[in-house]
Amino acid sequence: MPIRWTSDLNTGIDVIDKQHMRIVDYINELEEASAASDRAAIGRVIDGMMDYTLSHFAFEESVQEEAGYPFCKAHKRVHELFVRRVNLYAERFGDGEDVAVELHELLKNWLLSHIRRDDADYAGAVRAHLQSHAPVDPPPAPAGGWFRRLFGRAAN
């Protein structure tokens, strides 16, 4: 059964929520590829999801660090342990084993639990940091606007 995004998965940090939604899409794509017994598609999904998730983890960890989240190192360790587990599945898949159903269950359960518990713990600190560093309104543009200044004529 595909994962449906529900409001309890929102962290209130738009960029993080969009990244989580993309990971949910990958997990749902893995389920579809597994149901179709499409080994090539399963491999593509695993590779894409792993790459995307690693970049998401790096981004999430940097935002936590910037916000001064006190449990950033522990959160990073949770990510590292998860990556090791998923890498073992990827290796088994590479060795020809059918791991799609088992991997799908792990991913689904881990992600939903991780968002609701671990990510919810840092969300307040990151939101507060982002709000305190929100950009101020830019100064008004000079007469003629930026287009005229750059190109010497008005925009059409």
Protein backbone atom coordinates (compact mmCIF):
# COMPACT_ATOMS: atom_id res chain seq x y z
CA MET A 1 0.00 0.00 0.00
CA PRO A 2 1.51 3.35 -1.01
CA ILE A 3 2.47 5.89 1.61
CA ARG A 4 0.10 8.83 1.70
CA TRP A 5 1.47 12.13 2.94
CA THR A 6 -0.45 13.24 6.02
CA SER A 7 -0.25 16.45 8.03
CA ASP A 8 1.48 14.70 10.95
CA LEU A 9 4.52 14.28 8.68
CA ASN A 10 4.95 18.03 8.19
CA THR A 11 7.88 19.59 10.02
CA GLY A 12 6.79 23.12 9.18
CA ILE A 13 10.01 23.59 7.22
CA ASP A 14 8.93 23.75 3.60
CA VAL A 15 12.19 22.65 1.99
CA ILE A 16 12.55 19.69 4.37
CA ASP A 17 8.92 18.67 3.88
CA LYS A 18 9.36 18.73 0.09
CA GLN A 19 12.48 16.58 0.38
CA HIS A 20 10.63 14.12 2.60
CA MET A 21 7.79 14.00 0.08
CA ARG A 22 10.29 13.12 -2.65
CA ILE A 23 11.67 10.28 -0.54
CA VAL A 24 8.09 9.06 -0.04
CA ASP A 25 7.71 9.12 -3.84
CA TYR A 26 10.82 6.93 -4.18
CA ILE A 27 9.46 4.46 -1.63
CA ASN A 28 6.16 4.30 -3.51
CA GLU A 29 8.04 3.84 -6.80
CA LEU A 30 9.93 0.93 -5.23
CA GLU A 31 6.62 -0.67 -4.28
CA GLU A 32 5.33 -0.26 -7.86
CA ALA A 33 8.51 -1.66 -9.41
CA SER A 34 8.43 -4.60 -7.00
CA ALA A 35 4.77 -5.34 -7.79
CA ALA A 36 5.65 -5.33 -11.48
CA SER A 37 8.70 -7.58 -10.83
CA ASP A 38 10.76 -5.05 -12.80
CA ARG A 39 14.29 -5.67 -11.57
CA ALA A 40 15.79 -2.88 -13.71
CA ALA A 41 13.29 -0.36 -12.32
CA ILE A 42 13.95 -1.58 -8.78
CA GLY A 43 17.66 -0.98 -9.31
CA ARG A 44 17.06 2.52 -10.69
CA VAL A 45 14.79 3.39 -7.77
CA ILE A 46 17.27 2.08 -5.20
CA ASP A 47 20.12 4.05 -6.79
CA GLY A 48 18.12 7.25 -7.16
CA MET A 49 16.66 7.03 -3.68
CA MET A 50 20.04 6.41 -2.09
CA ASP A 51 21.63 9.38 -3.86
CA TYR A 52 18.72 11.66 -3.04
CA THR A 53 18.50 10.52 0.58
CA LEU A 54 22.22 11.06 1.15
CA SER A 55 21.96 14.63 -0.15
CA HIS A 56 18.83 15.18 1.97
CA PHE A 57 20.62 13.92 5.09
CA ALA A 58 23.58 16.22 4.43
CA PHE A 59 21.25 19.19 3.96
CA GLU A 60 19.19 18.36 7.04
CA GLU A 61 22.32 17.97 9.16
CA SER A 62 23.77 21.28 7.96
CA VAL A 63 20.51 23.10 8.76
CA GLN A 64 20.47 21.55 12.24
CA GLU A 65 24.08 22.54 12.83
CA GLU A 66 23.46 26.09 11.64
CA ALA A 67 20.46 26.35 13.97
CA GLY A 68 22.54 25.15 16.91
CA TYR A 69 20.38 22.06 17.44
CA PRO A 70 22.03 20.39 20.47
CA PHE A 71 21.42 16.81 19.29
CA CYS A 72 22.78 17.27 15.77
CA LYS A 73 25.56 14.70 16.23
CA ALA A 74 23.14 12.08 17.55
CA HIS A 75 20.77 12.76 14.64
CA LYS A 76 23.66 12.39 12.19
CA ARG A 77 24.55 9.05 13.82
CA VAL A 78 20.96 7.84 13.27
CA HIS A 79 21.33 8.76 9.59
CA GLU A 80 24.67 6.95 9.34
CA LEU A 81 23.28 3.75 10.85
CA PHE A 82 20.30 3.86 8.51
CA VAL A 83 22.55 4.36 5.46
CA ARG A 84 24.58 1.31 6.50
CA ARG A 85 21.40 -0.79 6.71
CA VAL A 86 20.20 0.35 3.30
CA ASN A 87 23.64 -0.24 1.78
CA LEU A 88 23.44 -3.85 2.91
CA TYR A 89 20.16 -4.21 1.01
CA ALA A 90 21.71 -2.58 -2.04
CA GLU A 91 24.60 -5.04 -1.88
CA ARG A 92 22.22 -7.97 -1.57
CA PHE A 93 20.26 -6.63 -4.54
CA GLY A 94 23.51 -6.32 -6.50
CA ASP A 95 24.25 -9.95 -5.70
CA GLY A 96 20.96 -10.94 -7.34
CA GLU A 97 18.79 -11.29 -4.27
CA ASP A 98 15.18 -10.10 -4.39
CA VAL A 99 15.09 -7.58 -1.54
CA ALA A 100 12.47 -5.13 -2.83
CA VAL A 101 9.59 -6.08 -0.52
CA GLU A 102 11.78 -6.32 2.55
CA LEU A 103 13.56 -3.04 1.70
CA HIS A 104 10.25 -1.30 1.03
CA GLU A 105 8.94 -2.25 4.48
CA LEU A 106 12.14 -1.08 6.16
CA LEU A 107 12.10 2.24 4.30
CA LYS A 108 8.42 2.90 4.91
CA ASN A 109 8.53 2.12 8.61
CA TRP A 110 11.83 3.85 9.25
CA LEU A 111 11.01 7.04 7.37
CA LEU A 112 7.60 7.57 8.94
CA SER A 113 8.95 6.90 12.41
CA HIS A 114 12.02 9.06 11.81
CA ILE A 115 10.01 12.04 10.59
CA ARG A 116 7.45 11.83 13.37
CA ARG A 117 10.00 11.34 16.14
CA ASP A 118 13.56 12.40 15.30
CA ASP A 119 12.80 15.12 12.78
CA ALA A 120 9.98 16.52 14.89
CA ASP A 121 12.55 16.97 17.68
CA TYR A 122 14.73 19.37 15.68
CA ALA A 123 11.97 21.13 13.73
CA GLY A 124 11.23 23.76 16.37
CA ALA A 125 14.87 24.79 16.71
CA VAL A 126 15.33 25.02 12.95
CA ARG A 127 12.08 26.94 12.42
CA ALA A 128 13.06 29.43 15.13
CA HIS A 129 16.49 29.87 13.57
CA LEU A 130 15.05 30.39 10.11
CA GLN A 131 12.54 32.94 11.38
CA SER A 132 15.22 34.87 13.26
CA HIS A 133 17.31 35.01 10.09
CA ALA A 134 14.49 35.79 7.68
CA PRO A 135 15.51 38.26 5.01
CA VAL A 136 14.26 41.78 5.43
CA ASP A 137 12.32 43.45 2.65
CA PRO A 138 14.67 44.57 -0.10
CA PRO A 139 15.09 48.30 -0.69
CA PRO A 140 12.88 49.76 -3.41
CA ALA A 141 14.30 49.49 -6.91
CA PRO A 142 15.67 52.69 -8.40
CA ALA A 143 13.58 54.47 -11.02
CA GLY A 144 13.57 52.49 -14.22
CA GLY A 145 14.06 49.15 -12.46
CA TRP A 146 16.85 46.62 -12.71
CA PHE A 147 16.11 45.72 -16.33
CA ARG A 148 16.72 49.32 -17.48
CA ARG A 149 19.91 49.55 -15.42
CA LEU A 150 21.26 46.33 -16.94
CA PHE A 151 20.05 46.67 -20.52
CA GLY A 152 19.35 50.37 -20.96
CA ARG A 153 15.67 49.96 -21.84
CA ALA A 154 12.39 49.13 -20.21
CA ALA A 155 11.08 45.59 -19.98
CA ASN A 156 8.21 44.76 -22.35
